[in-house]
PDB file of N, CA and C in Angstrom:
ATOM      1  N   MET A   1      -0.753 -10.018   8.516  1.00  0.00           N
ATOM      2  CA  MET A   1      -1.974  -8.999   7.915  1.00  0.00           C
ATOM      3  C   MET A   1      -1.607  -8.151   6.732  1.00  0.00           C
ATOM      4  N   ARG A   2      -2.506  -8.185   6.252  1.00  0.00           N
ATOM      5  CA  ARG A   2      -2.133  -7.529   4.797  1.00  0.00           C
ATOM      6  C   ARG A   2      -2.110  -5.920   4.731  1.00  0.00           C
ATOM      7  N   VAL A   3      -1.673  -5.185   4.222  1.00  0.00           N
ATOM      8  CA  VAL A   3      -1.301  -3.937   4.712  1.00  0.00           C
ATOM      9  C   VAL A   3      -0.530  -3.278   3.560  1.00  0.00           C
ATOM     10  N   TRP A   4      -1.816  -1.799   3.123  1.00  0.00           N
ATOM     11  CA  TRP A   4      -1.383  -1.188   2.019  1.00  0.00           C
ATOM     12  C   TRP A   4      -0.399  -0.138   2.523  1.00  0.00           C
ATOM     13  N   ILE A   5       0.974   0.524   2.098  1.00  0.00           N
ATOM     14  CA  ILE A   5       1.727   0.848   2.517  1.00  0.00           C
ATOM     15  C   ILE A   5       1.878   2.168   1.155  1.00  0.00           C
ATOM     16  N   PRO A   6       1.511   3.433   1.689  1.00  0.00           N
ATOM     17  CA  PRO A   6       2.335   4.314   1.414  1.00  0.00           C
ATOM     18  C   PRO A   6       3.400   4.751   1.308  1.00  0.00           C
ATOM     19  N   VAL A   7       4.529   4.858  -0.047  1.00  0.00           N
ATOM     20  CA  VAL A   7       5.570   5.031  -0.380  1.00  0.00           C
ATOM     21  C   VAL A   7       6.177   5.967  -0.606  1.00  0.00           C
ATOM     22  N   SER A   8       7.340   7.063  -0.955  1.00  0.00           N
ATOM     23  CA  SER A   8       7.502   7.886  -1.203  1.00  0.00           C
ATOM     24  C   SER A   8       8.837   7.385  -2.633  1.00  0.00           C
ATOM     25  N   VAL A   9       8.992   8.096  -3.703  1.00  0.00           N
ATOM     26  CA  VAL A   9       9.535   7.723  -4.719  1.00  0.00           C
ATOM     27  C   VAL A   9      10.976   7.444  -3.909  1.00  0.00           C
ATOM     28  N   GLU A  10      11.380   8.002  -2.517  1.00  0.00           N
ATOM     29  CA  GLU A  10      12.782   7.749  -2.320  1.00  0.00           C
ATOM     30  C   GLU A  10      12.659   6.288  -1.535  1.00  0.00           C
ATOM     31  N   GLN A  11      11.953   5.658  -0.885  1.00  0.00           N
ATOM     32  CA  GLN A  11      11.820   4.942  -0.095  1.00  0.00           C
ATOM     33  C   GLN A  11      11.835   3.443  -0.859  1.00  0.00           C
ATOM     34  N   PHE A  12      11.041   3.850  -2.007  1.00  0.00           N
ATOM     35  CA  PHE A  12      10.902   2.780  -3.381  1.00  0.00           C
ATOM     36  C   PHE A  12      11.892   2.337  -3.575  1.00  0.00           C
ATOM     37  N   ASN A  13      12.855   3.435  -4.192  1.00  0.00           N
ATOM     38  CA  ASN A  13      14.157   3.634  -4.402  1.00  0.00           C
ATOM     39  C   ASN A  13      15.030   2.647  -3.814  1.00  0.00           C
ATOM     40  N   GLU A  14      14.961   2.886  -2.233  1.00  0.00           N
ATOM     41  CA  GLU A  14      15.916   2.617  -1.775  1.00  0.00           C
ATOM     42  C   GLU A  14      15.426   0.714  -1.626  1.00  0.00           C
ATOM     43  N   PHE A  15      14.152   0.525  -1.137  1.00  0.00           N
ATOM     44  CA  PHE A  15      13.868  -0.871  -1.277  1.00  0.00           C
ATOM     45  C   PHE A  15      13.872  -1.406  -2.878  1.00  0.00           C
ATOM     46  N   LYS A  16      14.283  -0.848  -3.796  1.00  0.00           N
ATOM     47  CA  LYS A  16      15.123  -1.930  -5.042  1.00  0.00           C
ATOM     48  C   LYS A  16      16.199  -1.831  -5.082  1.00  0.00           C
ATOM     49  N   VAL A  17      16.830  -1.201  -4.461  1.00  0.00           N
ATOM     50  CA  VAL A  17      18.524  -1.577  -3.837  1.00  0.00           C
ATOM     51  C   VAL A  17      18.893  -2.535  -2.972  1.00  0.00           C
ATOM     52  N   VAL A  18      18.376  -2.389  -2.050  1.00  0.00           N
ATOM     53  CA  VAL A  18      18.619  -3.508  -1.111  1.00  0.00           C
ATOM     54  C   VAL A  18      17.563  -4.482  -0.793  1.00  0.00           C
ATOM     55  N   GLY A  19      16.065  -3.987  -1.371  1.00  0.00           N
ATOM     56  CA  GLY A  19      15.235  -5.007  -0.557  1.00  0.00           C
ATOM     57  C   GLY A  19      14.684  -5.510   0.038  1.00  0.00           C
ATOM     58  N   ILE A  20      14.640  -4.268   0.969  1.00  0.00           N
ATOM     59  CA  ILE A  20      14.037  -4.462   2.411  1.00  0.00           C
ATOM     60  C   ILE A  20      13.063  -2.514   2.299  1.00  0.00           C
ATOM     61  N   LEU A  21      12.031  -2.676   2.770  1.00  0.00           N
ATOM     62  CA  LEU A  21      11.093  -1.491   2.807  1.00  0.00           C
ATOM     63  C   LEU A  21      10.980  -0.925   4.191  1.00  0.00           C
ATOM     64  N   THR A  22      11.510   0.234   4.067  1.00  0.00           N
ATOM     65  CA  THR A  22      11.705   0.894   5.691  1.00  0.00           C
ATOM     66  C   THR A  22      10.028   1.704   5.642  1.00  0.00           C
ATOM     67  N   ALA A  23       9.146   1.380   6.348  1.00  0.00           N
ATOM     68  CA  ALA A  23       7.738   2.276   6.692  1.00  0.00           C
ATOM     69  C   ALA A  23       6.981   2.410   8.385  1.00  0.00           C
ATOM     70  N   ASN A  24       6.701   3.453   8.463  1.00  0.00           N
ATOM     71  CA  ASN A  24       6.233   3.650   9.022  1.00  0.00           C
ATOM     72  C   ASN A  24       4.790   3.434   9.877  1.00  0.00           C
ATOM     73  N   HIS A  25       3.943   2.934   8.644  1.00  0.00           N
ATOM     74  CA  HIS A  25       2.733   3.510   8.640  1.00  0.00           C
ATOM     75  C   HIS A  25       1.811   2.998   7.432  1.00  0.00           C
ATOM     76  N   GLY A  26       0.640   2.216   7.549  1.00  0.00           N
ATOM     77  CA  GLY A  26      -0.021   2.029   5.933  1.00  0.00           C
ATOM     78  C   GLY A  26      -1.571   1.752   6.901  1.00  0.00           C
ATOM     79  N   TYR A  27      -2.398   1.192   5.590  1.00  0.00           N
ATOM     80  CA  TYR A  27      -3.818   0.480   6.589  1.00  0.00           C
ATOM     81  C   TYR A  27      -4.233  -0.447   5.866  1.00  0.00           C
ATOM     82  N   ALA A  28      -4.906  -1.437   6.538  1.00  0.00           N
ATOM     83  CA  ALA A  28      -5.703  -2.199   6.467  1.00  0.00           C
ATOM     84  C   ALA A  28      -7.133  -2.718   6.524  1.00  0.00           C
ATOM     85  N   VAL A  29      -7.667  -3.496   6.099  1.00  0.00           N
ATOM     86  CA  VAL A  29      -9.117  -3.844   6.262  1.00  0.00           C
ATOM     87  C   VAL A  29      -9.557  -4.260   7.307  1.00  0.00           C
ATOM     88  N   THR A  30      -9.550  -3.125   8.779  1.00  0.00           N
ATOM     89  CA  THR A  30      -9.574  -3.433   9.979  1.00  0.00           C
ATOM     90  C   THR A  30     -11.336  -4.489  10.352  1.00  0.00           C
ATOM     91  N   GLU A  31     -11.564  -4.334  10.777  1.00  0.00           N
ATOM     92  CA  GLU A  31     -13.028  -5.058  11.035  1.00  0.00           C
ATOM     93  C   GLU A  31     -13.920  -3.286  11.691  1.00  0.00           C
ATOM     94  N   GLY A  32     -13.218  -2.684  12.236  1.00  0.00           N
ATOM     95  CA  GLY A  32     -13.866  -1.367  12.742  1.00  0.00           C
ATOM     96  C   GLY A  32     -14.204  -0.635  11.335  1.00  0.00           C
ATOM     97  N   TRP A  33     -13.058  -0.576  10.410  1.00  0.00           N
ATOM     98  CA  TRP A  33     -13.355  -0.122   9.138  1.00  0.00           C
ATOM     99  C   TRP A  33     -13.850  -0.165   8.386  1.00  0.00           C
ATOM    100  N   ALA A  34     -13.986  -1.739   7.833  1.00  0.00           N
ATOM    101  CA  ALA A  34     -14.903  -2.422   7.132  1.00  0.00           C
ATOM    102  C   ALA A  34     -16.415  -2.180   7.214  1.00  0.00           C
ATOM    103  N   GLN A  35     -16.744  -2.094   8.853  1.00  0.00           N
ATOM    104  CA  GLN A  35     -17.893  -1.807   8.834  1.00  0.00           C
ATOM    105  C   GLN A  35     -18.977  -0.438   8.589  1.00  0.00           C
ATOM    106  N   THR A  36     -18.206   0.223   9.013  1.00  0.00           N
ATOM    107  CA  THR A  36     -18.294   1.696   8.177  1.00  0.00           C
ATOM    108  C   THR A  36     -18.785   1.745   7.459  1.00  0.00           C
ATOM    109  N   TRP A  37     -18.609   0.329   5.803  1.00  0.00           N
ATOM    110  CA  TRP A  37     -19.098   0.749   4.953  1.00  0.00           C
ATOM    111  C   TRP A  37     -20.292   0.111   3.944  1.00  0.00           C
ATOM    112  N   ASP A  38     -21.187   0.286   3.206  1.00  0.00           N
ATOM    113  CA  ASP A  38     -22.111  -0.920   3.035  1.00  0.00           C
ATOM    114  C   ASP A  38     -22.019  -1.775   2.281  1.00  0.00           C
ATOM    115  N   GLU A  39     -20.683  -2.661   2.419  1.00  0.00           N
ATOM    116  CA  GLU A  39     -19.586  -3.926   1.509  1.00  0.00           C
ATOM    117  C   GLU A  39     -19.531  -4.684   2.451  1.00  0.00           C
ATOM    118  N   SER A  40     -19.632  -5.862   1.328  1.00  0.00           N
ATOM    119  CA  SER A  40     -18.859  -6.725   2.344  1.00  0.00           C
ATOM    120  C   SER A  40     -17.798  -7.579   1.448  1.00  0.00           C
ATOM    121  N   ASP A  41     -17.534  -7.660   0.259  1.00  0.00           N
ATOM    122  CA  ASP A  41     -17.026  -7.646  -0.634  1.00  0.00           C
ATOM    123  C   ASP A  41     -15.565  -7.557  -0.477  1.00  0.00           C
ATOM    124  N   PRO A  42     -14.678  -8.865   0.064  1.00  0.00           N
ATOM    125  CA  PRO A  42     -13.417  -8.109  -0.027  1.00  0.00           C
ATOM    126  C   PRO A  42     -12.470  -7.834  -1.215  1.00  0.00           C
ATOM    127  N   GLU A  43     -12.770  -7.612  -2.094  1.00  0.00           N
ATOM    128  CA  GLU A  43     -12.007  -7.051  -3.507  1.00  0.00           C
ATOM    129  C   GLU A  43     -12.749  -5.532  -3.533  1.00  0.00           C
ATOM    130  N   VAL A  44     -13.745  -5.025  -3.024  1.00  0.00           N
ATOM    131  CA  VAL A  44     -14.254  -3.857  -3.083  1.00  0.00           C
ATOM    132  C   VAL A  44     -13.863  -3.483  -1.419  1.00  0.00           C
ATOM    133  N   LEU A  45     -13.386  -3.660  -0.269  1.00  0.00           N
ATOM    134  CA  LEU A  45     -12.939  -3.781   0.498  1.00  0.00           C
ATOM    135  C   LEU A  45     -11.945  -2.649   0.107  1.00  0.00           C
ATOM    136  N   GLU A  46     -11.112  -3.450  -0.221  1.00  0.00           N
ATOM    137  CA  GLU A  46      -9.706  -3.987  -0.717  1.00  0.00           C
ATOM    138  C   GLU A  46      -9.640  -2.666  -1.891  1.00  0.00           C
ATOM    139  N   ALA A  47      -9.971  -2.633  -2.353  1.00  0.00           N
ATOM    140  CA  ALA A  47     -10.015  -1.615  -3.421  1.00  0.00           C
ATOM    141  C   ALA A  47     -10.160  -0.071  -3.025  1.00  0.00           C
ATOM    142  N   GLU A  48     -11.202  -0.091  -1.757  1.00  0.00           N
ATOM    143  CA  GLU A  48     -11.721   1.202  -1.108  1.00  0.00           C
ATOM    144  C   GLU A  48     -10.182   1.420  -0.486  1.00  0.00           C
ATOM    145  N   ILE A  49      -9.717   0.925   0.554  1.00  0.00           N
ATOM    146  CA  ILE A  49      -8.296   1.022   1.329  1.00  0.00           C
ATOM    147  C   ILE A  49      -7.534   1.145   0.622  1.00  0.00           C
ATOM    148  N   LEU A  50      -7.194   0.810  -0.642  1.00  0.00           N
ATOM    149  CA  LEU A  50      -6.434   1.345  -1.618  1.00  0.00           C
ATOM    150  C   LEU A  50      -6.106   2.794  -1.863  1.00  0.00           C
ATOM    151  N   GLN A  51      -7.381   3.614  -1.830  1.00  0.00           N
ATOM    152  CA  GLN A  51      -8.189   4.670  -1.919  1.00  0.00           C
ATOM    153  C   GLN A  51      -7.275   5.645  -1.286  1.00  0.00           C
ATOM    154  N   VAL A  52      -7.392   4.839   0.253  1.00  0.00           N
ATOM    155  CA  VAL A  52      -7.325   5.689   1.713  1.00  0.00           C
ATOM    156  C   VAL A  52      -5.561   5.978   1.458  1.00  0.00           C
ATOM    157  N   ALA A  53      -5.118   4.538   1.067  1.00  0.00           N
ATOM    158  CA  ALA A  53      -3.767   4.721   1.116  1.00  0.00           C
ATOM    159  C   ALA A  53      -3.186   5.708   0.186  1.00  0.00           C
ATOM    160  N   GLY A  54      -4.032   5.568  -1.055  1.00  0.00           N
ATOM    161  CA  GLY A  54      -3.626   6.933  -2.007  1.00  0.00           C
ATOM    162  C   GLY A  54      -3.257   7.894  -1.851  1.00  0.00           C
ATOM    163  N   ILE A  55      -4.241   8.808  -0.512  1.00  0.00           N
ATOM    164  CA  ILE A  55      -4.506   9.729  -0.505  1.00  0.00           C
ATOM    165  C   ILE A  55      -2.776  10.654  -0.485  1.00  0.00           C
ATOM    166  N   ASP A  56      -2.393   9.445   0.455  1.00  0.00           N
ATOM    167  CA  ASP A  56      -0.757   9.926   0.949  1.00  0.00           C
ATOM    168  C   ASP A  56       0.348   9.864   0.371  1.00  0.00           C
ATOM    169  N   SER A  57      -0.079   9.279  -1.567  1.00  0.00           N
ATOM    170  CA  SER A  57       1.591   8.924  -1.920  1.00  0.00           C
ATOM    171  C   SER A  57       0.419   8.322  -3.794  1.00  0.00           C
ATOM    172  N   ARG A  58       1.193   8.624  -4.754  1.00  0.00           N
ATOM    173  CA  ARG A  58       0.919   7.544  -5.351  1.00  0.00           C
ATOM    174  C   ARG A  58       1.519   6.115  -6.144  1.00  0.00           C
ATOM    175  N   LEU A  59       2.318   6.224  -5.027  1.00  0.00           N
ATOM    176  CA  LEU A  59       2.961   4.799  -5.041  1.00  0.00           C
ATOM    177  C   LEU A  59       2.277   3.910  -3.857  1.00  0.00           C
ATOM    178  N   VAL A  60       2.326   2.571  -3.790  1.00  0.00           N
ATOM    179  CA  VAL A  60       1.476   1.715  -2.472  1.00  0.00           C
ATOM    180  C   VAL A  60       1.877   0.852  -2.825  1.00  0.00           C
ATOM    181  N   VAL A  61       2.571   0.221  -1.776  1.00  0.00           N
ATOM    182  CA  VAL A  61       2.721  -1.064  -2.034  1.00  0.00           C
ATOM    183  C   VAL A  61       2.301  -2.036  -0.765  1.00  0.00           C
ATOM    184  N   VAL A  62       2.179  -3.287  -1.577  1.00  0.00           N
ATOM    185  CA  VAL A  62       0.956  -4.410  -0.652  1.00  0.00           C
ATOM    186  C   VAL A  62       1.973  -5.260  -0.197  1.00  0.00           C
ATOM    187  N   ALA A  63       1.633  -5.097   1.229  1.00  0.00           N
ATOM    188  CA  ALA A  63       2.715  -6.789   2.162  1.00  0.00           C
ATOM    189  C   ALA A  63       1.836  -7.103   2.996  1.00  0.00           C
ATOM    190  N   GLU A  64       2.101  -8.524   3.337  1.00  0.00           N
ATOM    191  CA  GLU A  64       1.526  -8.739   4.490  1.00  0.00           C
ATOM    192  C   GLU A  64       2.569  -9.353   5.329  1.00  0.00           C
ATOM    193  N   CYS A  65       2.641  -8.387   6.470  1.00  0.00           N
ATOM    194  CA  CYS A  65       3.552  -8.042   7.083  1.00  0.00           C
ATOM    195  C   CYS A  65       2.760  -7.922   8.641  1.00  0.00           C
ATOM    196  N   GLN A  66       3.862  -8.101   9.761  1.00  0.00           N
ATOM    197  CA  GLN A  66       2.959  -7.758  11.228  1.00  0.00           C
ATOM    198  C   GLN A  66       2.872  -6.172  11.131  1.00  0.00           C
ATOM    199  N   GLY A  67       1.816  -5.689  11.998  1.00  0.00           N
ATOM    200  CA  GLY A  67       1.334  -4.690  12.258  1.00  0.00           C
ATOM    201  C   GLY A  67       0.748  -4.277  13.359  1.00  0.00           C
ATOM    202  N   ASP A  68       0.868  -3.180  14.233  1.00  0.00           N
ATOM    203  CA  ASP A  68      -0.157  -2.774  15.131  1.00  0.00           C
ATOM    204  C   ASP A  68      -1.252  -1.148  14.732  1.00  0.00           C
ATOM    205  N   VAL A  69      -2.444  -1.974  15.456  1.00  0.00           N
ATOM    206  CA  VAL A  69      -3.806  -1.155  14.645  1.00  0.00           C
ATOM    207  C   VAL A  69      -3.493   0.120  15.639  1.00  0.00           C
ATOM    208  N   ASN A  70      -2.849   1.143  14.844  1.00  0.00           N
ATOM    209  CA  ASN A  70      -3.375   2.715  15.308  1.00  0.00           C
ATOM    210  C   ASN A  70      -5.098   3.142  15.617  1.00  0.00           C
ATOM    211  N   ASN A  71      -5.757   2.594  14.711  1.00  0.00           N
ATOM    212  CA  ASN A  71      -7.073   3.077  14.977  1.00  0.00           C
ATOM    213  C   ASN A  71      -7.902   2.260  13.949  1.00  0.00           C
ATOM    214  N   ALA A  72      -8.715   1.581  14.503  1.00  0.00           N
ATOM    215  CA  ALA A  72      -9.537   0.734  13.817  1.00  0.00           C
ATOM    216  C   ALA A  72     -10.445   1.358  12.744  1.00  0.00           C
ATOM    217  N   GLU A  73     -10.862   2.349  13.181  1.00  0.00           N
ATOM    218  CA  GLU A  73     -12.213   2.395  12.460  1.00  0.00           C
ATOM    219  C   GLU A  73     -11.522   3.346  11.020  1.00  0.00           C
ATOM    220  N   THR A  74     -10.439   4.038  11.115  1.00  0.00           N
ATOM    221  CA  THR A  74     -10.073   4.670  10.023  1.00  0.00           C
ATOM    222  C   THR A  74      -9.063   3.097   9.100  1.00  0.00           C
ATOM    223  N   GLY A  75      -8.593   2.116   9.382  1.00  0.00           N
ATOM    224  CA  GLY A  75      -7.624   1.432   9.367  1.00  0.00           C
ATOM    225  C   GLY A  75      -6.301   1.645   9.300  1.00  0.00           C
ATOM    226  N   GLN A  76      -5.699   2.488  10.191  1.00  0.00           N
ATOM    227  CA  GLN A  76      -4.155   2.910  10.283  1.00  0.00           C
ATOM    228  C   GLN A  76      -3.240   1.905  11.006  1.00  0.00           C
ATOM    229  N   ILE A  77      -2.221   1.567  10.238  1.00  0.00           N
ATOM    230  CA  ILE A  77      -1.337   0.559  10.969  1.00  0.00           C
ATOM    231  C   ILE A  77      -0.074   1.065  11.352  1.00  0.00           C
ATOM    232  N   SER A  78       0.626   0.829  12.450  1.00  0.00           N
ATOM    233  CA  SER A  78       2.025   1.333  12.268  1.00  0.00           C
ATOM    234  C   SER A  78       2.107   0.175  11.812  1.00  0.00           C
ATOM    235  N   ILE A  79       3.508  -0.234  11.234  1.00  0.00           N
ATOM    236  CA  ILE A  79       4.551  -1.051  11.201  1.00  0.00           C
ATOM    237  C   ILE A  79       5.665  -0.929  11.916  1.00  0.00           C
ATOM    238  N   PRO A  80       5.966  -1.843  13.049  1.00  0.00           N
ATOM    239  CA  PRO A  80       7.133  -1.733  13.689  1.00  0.00           C
ATOM    240  C   PRO A  80       8.657  -2.941  12.982  1.00  0.00           C
ATOM    241  N   ASN A  81       8.504  -3.257  11.675  1.00  0.00           N
ATOM    242  CA  ASN A  81       9.477  -3.775  11.326  1.00  0.00           C
ATOM    243  C   ASN A  81       9.740  -3.267   9.721  1.00  0.00           C
ATOM    244  N   PRO A  82      11.240  -3.755   9.139  1.00  0.00           N
ATOM    245  CA  PRO A  82      11.388  -3.775   7.760  1.00  0.00           C
ATOM    246  C   PRO A  82      10.386  -4.600   7.134  1.00  0.00           C
ATOM    247  N   ILE A  83       9.886  -4.353   6.085  1.00  0.00           N
ATOM    248  CA  ILE A  83       9.619  -5.460   5.076  1.00  0.00           C
ATOM    249  C   ILE A  83      10.094  -6.073   4.177  1.00  0.00           C
ATOM    250  N   ALA A  84      10.187  -7.897   4.023  1.00  0.00           N
ATOM    251  CA  ALA A  84      11.559  -8.248   3.047  1.00  0.00           C
ATOM    252  C   ALA A  84      10.352  -8.065   1.821  1.00  0.00           C
ATOM    253  N   LYS A  85      11.493  -8.561   0.865  1.00  0.00           N
ATOM    254  CA  LYS A  85      11.039  -8.063  -0.298  1.00  0.00           C
ATOM    255  C   LYS A  85      10.199  -9.337  -0.711  1.00  0.00           C
ATOM    256  N   ALA A  86       9.996 -10.531  -0.300  1.00  0.00           N
ATOM    257  CA  ALA A  86       9.400 -11.704  -0.629  1.00  0.00           C
ATOM    258  C   ALA A  86       8.191 -11.592   0.379  1.00  0.00           C
ATOM    259  N   GLN A  87       7.570 -10.437   1.038  1.00  0.00           N
ATOM    260  CA  GLN A  87       6.444  -9.980   2.167  1.00  0.00           C
ATOM    261  C   GLN A  87       5.559  -8.904   0.476  1.00  0.00           C
ATOM    262  N   ILE A  88       6.353  -8.309  -0.064  1.00  0.00           N
ATOM    263  CA  ILE A  88       5.700  -7.641  -1.238  1.00  0.00           C
ATOM    264  C   ILE A  88       4.507  -8.862  -1.799  1.00  0.00           C
ATOM    265  N   GLN A  89       3.724  -8.500  -1.674  1.00  0.00           N
ATOM    266  CA  GLN A  89       1.829  -8.825  -2.766  1.00  0.00           C
ATOM    267  C   GLN A  89       2.045  -8.317  -3.955  1.00  0.00           C
ATOM    268  N   ALA A  90       2.178  -6.489  -4.053  1.00  0.00           N
ATOM    269  CA  ALA A  90       1.866  -6.177  -4.966  1.00  0.00           C
ATOM    270  C   ALA A  90       1.970  -4.362  -5.271  1.00  0.00           C
ATOM    271  N   ILE A  91       2.620  -3.860  -6.087  1.00  0.00           N
ATOM    272  CA  ILE A  91       2.726  -2.752  -6.396  1.00  0.00           C
ATOM    273  C   ILE A  91       1.244  -2.007  -7.034  1.00  0.00           C
ATOM    274  N   PHE A  92       1.337  -0.599  -6.681  1.00  0.00           N
ATOM    275  CA  PHE A  92       0.549   0.375  -7.587  1.00  0.00           C
ATOM    276  C   PHE A  92       0.477   1.163  -7.200  1.00  0.00           C
ATOM    277  N   ALA A  93       0.721   1.939  -8.531  1.00  0.00           N
ATOM    278  CA  ALA A  93       0.854   3.173  -8.841  1.00  0.00           C
ATOM    279  C   ALA A  93       0.297   3.977  -9.782  1.00  0.00           C
ATOM    280  N   ALA A  94       0.122   5.187  -8.986  1.00  0.00           N
ATOM    281  CA  ALA A  94      -0.984   6.096 -10.162  1.00  0.00           C
ATOM    282  C   ALA A  94       0.336   7.174 -10.899  1.00  0.00           C
ATOM    283  N   THR A  95      -0.172   8.205 -11.842  1.00  0.00           N
ATOM    284  CA  THR A  95       0.466   9.011 -12.312  1.00  0.00           C
ATOM    285  C   THR A  95      -0.144  10.208 -12.077  1.00  0.00           C
ATOM    286  N   GLU A  96       0.026  11.618 -11.974  1.00  0.00           N
ATOM    287  CA  GLU A  96       0.100  12.653 -11.612  1.00  0.00           C
ATOM    288  C   GLU A  96      -1.403  13.374 -12.184  1.00  0.00           C
ATOM    289  N   ALA A  97      -1.555  12.750 -13.799  1.00  0.00           N
ATOM    290  CA  ALA A  97      -2.507  13.176 -14.091  1.00  0.00           C
ATOM    291  C   ALA A  97      -3.641  12.433 -13.540  1.00  0.00           C
ATOM    292  N   GLN A  98      -3.424  11.422 -13.699  1.00  0.00           N
ATOM    293  CA  GLN A  98      -4.770  10.608 -13.117  1.00  0.00           C
ATOM    294  C   GLN A  98      -4.109   9.939 -11.453  1.00  0.00           C
ATOM    295  N   PRO A  99      -4.636  10.650 -10.351  1.00  0.00           N
ATOM    296  CA  PRO A  99      -4.285  10.132  -9.053  1.00  0.00           C
ATOM    297  C   PRO A  99      -4.620   9.332  -8.368  1.00  0.00           C
ATOM    298  N   GLN A 100      -5.912   8.820  -8.705  1.00  0.00           N
ATOM    299  CA  GLN A 100      -7.086   8.289  -7.909  1.00  0.00           C
ATOM    300  C   GLN A 100      -7.261   6.896  -9.051  1.00  0.00           C
ATOM    301  N   GLU A 101      -6.326   6.980 -10.009  1.00  0.00           N
ATOM    302  CA  GLU A 101      -6.178   5.789 -10.864  1.00  0.00           C
ATOM    303  C   GLU A 101      -4.827   5.041 -10.912  1.00  0.00           C
ATOM    304  N   PHE A 102      -5.567   3.882 -10.001  1.00  0.00           N
ATOM    305  CA  PHE A 102      -3.930   3.105  -9.892  1.00  0.00           C
ATOM    306  C   PHE A 102      -4.104   1.769 -10.608  1.00  0.00           C
ATOM    307  N   LEU A 103      -3.158   2.184 -11.162  1.00  0.00           N
ATOM    308  CA  LEU A 103      -2.496   0.557 -11.750  1.00  0.00           C
ATOM    309  C   LEU A 103      -1.631  -1.118 -10.933  1.00  0.00           C
ATOM    310  N   TRP A 104      -1.803  -1.723 -11.294  1.00  0.00           N
ATOM    311  CA  TRP A 104      -1.181  -2.813 -10.334  1.00  0.00           C
ATOM    312  C   TRP A 104      -0.331  -3.302 -11.415  1.00  0.00           C
ATOM    313  N   PHE A 105       0.717  -3.493 -10.246  1.00  0.00           N
ATOM    314  CA  PHE A 105       2.265  -4.082 -11.121  1.00  0.00           C
ATOM    315  C   PHE A 105       2.320  -5.319  -9.909  1.00  0.00           C
ATOM    316  N   GLY A 106       3.182  -6.399 -10.186  1.00  0.00           N
ATOM    317  CA  GLY A 106       3.551  -7.741 -10.010  1.00  0.00           C
ATOM    318  C   GLY A 106       4.800  -7.038  -8.648  1.00  0.00           C
ATOM    319  N   PRO A 107       5.220  -8.011  -7.884  1.00  0.00           N
ATOM    320  CA  PRO A 107       6.293  -7.606  -6.424  1.00  0.00           C
ATOM    321  C   PRO A 107       7.567  -7.578  -7.356  1.00  0.00           C
ATOM    322  N   THR A 108       7.295  -8.493  -8.566  1.00  0.00           N
ATOM    323  CA  THR A 108       8.773  -8.243  -9.482  1.00  0.00           C
ATOM    324  C   THR A 108       8.930  -7.399 -10.622  1.00  0.00           C
ATOM    325  N   GLU A 109       8.336  -6.048 -10.198  1.00  0.00           N
ATOM    326  CA  GLU A 109       7.902  -5.040 -11.575  1.00  0.00           C
ATOM    327  C   GLU A 109       8.300  -3.698 -10.783  1.00  0.00           C
ATOM    328  N   PRO A 110       8.765  -3.377  -9.972  1.00  0.00           N
ATOM    329  CA  PRO A 110       9.045  -2.232  -9.674  1.00  0.00           C
ATOM    330  C   PRO A 110       9.391  -1.043  -9.988  1.00  0.00           C
ATOM    331  N   GLU A 111      10.466  -1.417 -11.048  1.00  0.00           N
ATOM    332  CA  GLU A 111      10.653  -0.816 -12.426  1.00  0.00           C
ATOM    333  C   GLU A 111       9.813  -0.131 -12.915  1.00  0.00           C
ATOM    334  N   GLU A 112       8.526  -1.061 -13.483  1.00  0.00           N
ATOM    335  CA  GLU A 112       7.514  -0.738 -14.531  1.00  0.00           C
ATOM    336  C   GLU A 112       6.610   0.351 -13.823  1.00  0.00           C
ATOM    337  N   ALA A 113       6.329  -0.289 -12.201  1.00  0.00           N
ATOM    338  CA  ALA A 113       5.635   0.828 -11.648  1.00  0.00           C
ATOM    339  C   ALA A 113       6.127   2.451 -11.827  1.00  0.00           C
ATOM    340  N   LEU A 114       7.505   2.228 -11.236  1.00  0.00           N
ATOM    341  CA  LEU A 114       8.158   3.613 -11.385  1.00  0.00           C
ATOM    342  C   LEU A 114       7.667   4.207 -12.444  1.00  0.00           C
ATOM    343  N   VAL A 115       8.447   4.037 -13.638  1.00  0.00           N
ATOM    344  CA  VAL A 115       7.657   4.437 -14.799  1.00  0.00           C
ATOM    345  C   VAL A 115       6.270   4.885 -14.972  1.00  0.00           C
ATOM    346  N   TRP A 116       5.533   4.058 -14.875  1.00  0.00           N
ATOM    347  CA  TRP A 116       3.967   4.264 -14.730  1.00  0.00           C
ATOM    348  C   TRP A 116       3.630   6.020 -13.837  1.00  0.00           C
ATOM    349  N   HIS A 117       4.417   6.010 -12.486  1.00  0.00           N
ATOM    350  CA  HIS A 117       4.389   6.672 -11.576  1.00  0.00           C
ATOM    351  C   HIS A 117       4.682   8.015 -12.448  1.00  0.00           C
ATOM    352  N   SER A 118       5.751   8.056 -12.889  1.00  0.00           N
ATOM    353  CA  SER A 118       6.230   9.448 -13.344  1.00  0.00           C
ATOM    354  C   SER A 118       5.679   9.956 -14.650  1.00  0.00           C
ATOM    355  N   SER A 119       4.929   9.008 -15.666  1.00  0.00           N
ATOM    356  CA  SER A 119       4.151   9.207 -16.451  1.00  0.00           C
ATOM    357  C   SER A 119       3.387  10.387 -16.611  1.00  0.00           C
TER     358      SER A 119
END
């Protein structure tokens, strides 16, 4: 399942060093969550779930990983296993000045994402 994972700077720095992301929870476009929106376009729903994950952090990692649905209506997922670097599909970062304006970074651009996040 594709999961949007809010991460702290500390988690992100550890991920950069060891290549493994350890996180407890994230958000996914679950059927229950998607039904609360008057929208069926997957790209729009993914943009909205990014905003939900972004409430917890200005750094959000998107990964294809296993997860257990905690609450289908809120899209909250628990993540039982560490996430390998190869599972990371994207990184989104927002600045303090514009916390809702996320910029996309590829999985090979963690340094650039951190620089943007810190600006």
